[in-house]
């Protein structure tokens, strides 16, 4: 089939033409992993978007938006996880120590 290019060839050409192409691909992969992470987390907990929305006092559309968002605020993420019955912890990892940070709400 003359004239057809493989995906590998198309990607290589795009990378030659745009020096930031691979950075964009990597950013999109991180975004998708995060989105699938929240969606997958909710599914693993056996919760539907509508169920979680009810617990959080928001609409199903807002839960869907959070799951698609690539830059969720820490407080929103903590509420999302709490709505599923968990708590959010963040690890700050250094060569000599792994610090656990648990976001809290001000009193």
Protein backbone atom coordinates (compact mmCIF):
# COMPACT_ATOMS: atom_id res chain seq x y z
CA UNK A 1 0.00 0.00 0.00
CA UNK A 2 2.03 2.87 -1.31
CA UNK A 3 1.81 6.23 0.40
CA UNK A 4 0.74 4.90 3.79
CA UNK A 5 2.92 5.77 6.75
CA UNK A 6 3.21 3.86 9.97
CA UNK A 7 2.39 5.59 13.24
CA UNK A 8 6.09 5.35 14.12
CA UNK A 9 6.99 7.32 10.97
CA UNK A 10 4.26 9.92 11.57
CA UNK A 11 5.40 10.42 15.15
CA UNK A 12 9.06 10.70 14.14
CA UNK A 13 8.17 13.33 11.54
CA UNK A 14 6.08 15.30 14.05
CA UNK A 15 8.99 15.19 16.53
CA UNK A 16 11.37 16.52 13.85
CA UNK A 17 9.00 19.34 12.94
CA UNK A 18 8.16 20.35 16.53
CA UNK A 19 10.93 20.20 19.13
CA UNK A 20 8.27 20.20 21.90
CA UNK A 21 6.22 17.36 20.42
CA UNK A 22 7.54 14.65 22.77
CA UNK A 23 7.04 16.97 25.77
CA UNK A 24 3.42 17.34 24.73
CA UNK A 25 3.03 13.58 24.37
CA UNK A 26 4.50 13.05 27.84
CA UNK A 27 2.22 15.70 29.37
CA UNK A 28 -0.83 14.09 27.78
CA UNK A 29 0.20 10.67 29.10
CA UNK A 30 0.53 12.10 32.63
CA UNK A 31 -2.87 13.78 32.31
CA UNK A 32 -4.51 10.57 31.13
CA UNK A 33 -2.86 8.50 33.86
CA UNK A 34 -4.18 10.97 36.44
CA UNK A 35 -7.67 10.96 34.97
CA UNK A 36 -7.74 7.18 34.75
CA UNK A 37 -6.35 7.15 38.26
CA UNK A 38 -9.34 9.02 39.73
CA UNK A 39 -11.83 7.17 37.56
CA UNK A 40 -10.14 3.88 38.34
CA UNK A 41 -10.01 4.69 42.04
CA UNK A 42 -13.75 5.41 42.09
CA UNK A 43 -14.52 2.24 40.16
CA UNK A 44 -12.29 0.16 42.44
CA UNK A 45 -14.24 1.50 45.41
CA UNK A 46 -17.49 0.42 43.72
CA UNK A 47 -18.85 3.94 43.48
CA UNK A 48 -20.72 5.56 40.61
CA UNK A 49 -20.24 9.23 39.76
CA UNK A 50 -23.80 9.95 40.91
CA UNK A 51 -23.24 8.20 44.24
CA UNK A 52 -20.03 10.13 44.90
CA UNK A 53 -21.70 13.37 43.83
CA UNK A 54 -24.43 12.83 46.41
CA UNK A 55 -21.88 12.23 49.18
CA UNK A 56 -19.94 15.34 48.15
CA UNK A 57 -23.04 17.50 47.76
CA UNK A 58 -22.40 18.27 44.10
CA UNK A 59 -23.70 17.22 40.72
CA UNK A 60 -22.60 14.16 38.79
CA UNK A 61 -21.33 16.56 36.12
CA UNK A 62 -18.95 18.12 38.66
CA UNK A 63 -17.57 14.71 39.64
CA UNK A 64 -17.05 13.98 35.94
CA UNK A 65 -15.26 17.33 35.53
CA UNK A 66 -12.96 16.57 38.47
CA UNK A 67 -12.07 13.22 36.90
CA UNK A 68 -11.19 14.91 33.61
CA UNK A 69 -9.34 17.88 35.13
CA UNK A 70 -5.57 17.84 34.70
CA UNK A 71 -4.86 20.24 37.56
CA UNK A 72 -7.21 19.45 40.44
CA UNK A 73 -6.86 21.61 43.53
CA UNK A 74 -5.52 19.77 46.54
CA UNK A 75 -8.62 20.48 48.62
CA UNK A 76 -10.89 19.14 45.88
CA UNK A 77 -8.77 16.02 45.53
CA UNK A 78 -8.84 15.48 49.31
CA UNK A 79 -12.65 15.82 49.36
CA UNK A 80 -12.95 13.40 46.42
CA UNK A 81 -10.89 10.77 48.23
CA UNK A 82 -12.71 11.38 51.52
CA UNK A 83 -16.01 10.97 49.66
CA UNK A 84 -14.85 7.49 48.71
CA UNK A 85 -14.07 6.74 52.36
CA UNK A 86 -10.32 7.34 52.28
CA UNK A 87 -7.88 10.05 53.16
CA UNK A 88 -5.35 11.74 50.93
CA UNK A 89 -1.66 11.56 51.74
CA UNK A 90 1.15 13.08 49.76
CA UNK A 91 4.71 11.78 49.89
CA UNK A 92 7.60 14.20 49.57
CA UNK A 93 10.43 11.85 48.59
CA UNK A 94 14.06 12.85 49.09
CA UNK A 95 17.23 10.79 48.92
CA UNK A 96 17.35 10.49 52.70
CA UNK A 97 13.70 10.55 53.77
CA UNK A 98 10.12 9.94 52.62
CA UNK A 99 7.85 12.49 54.31
CA UNK A 100 4.12 11.90 54.45
CA UNK A 101 1.98 15.01 54.20
CA UNK A 102 -1.69 14.66 55.05
CA UNK A 103 -3.63 17.68 53.81
CA UNK A 104 -5.97 18.97 56.46
CA UNK A 105 -8.71 21.50 56.59
CA UNK A 106 -8.17 24.57 58.74
CA UNK A 107 -10.29 24.61 61.90
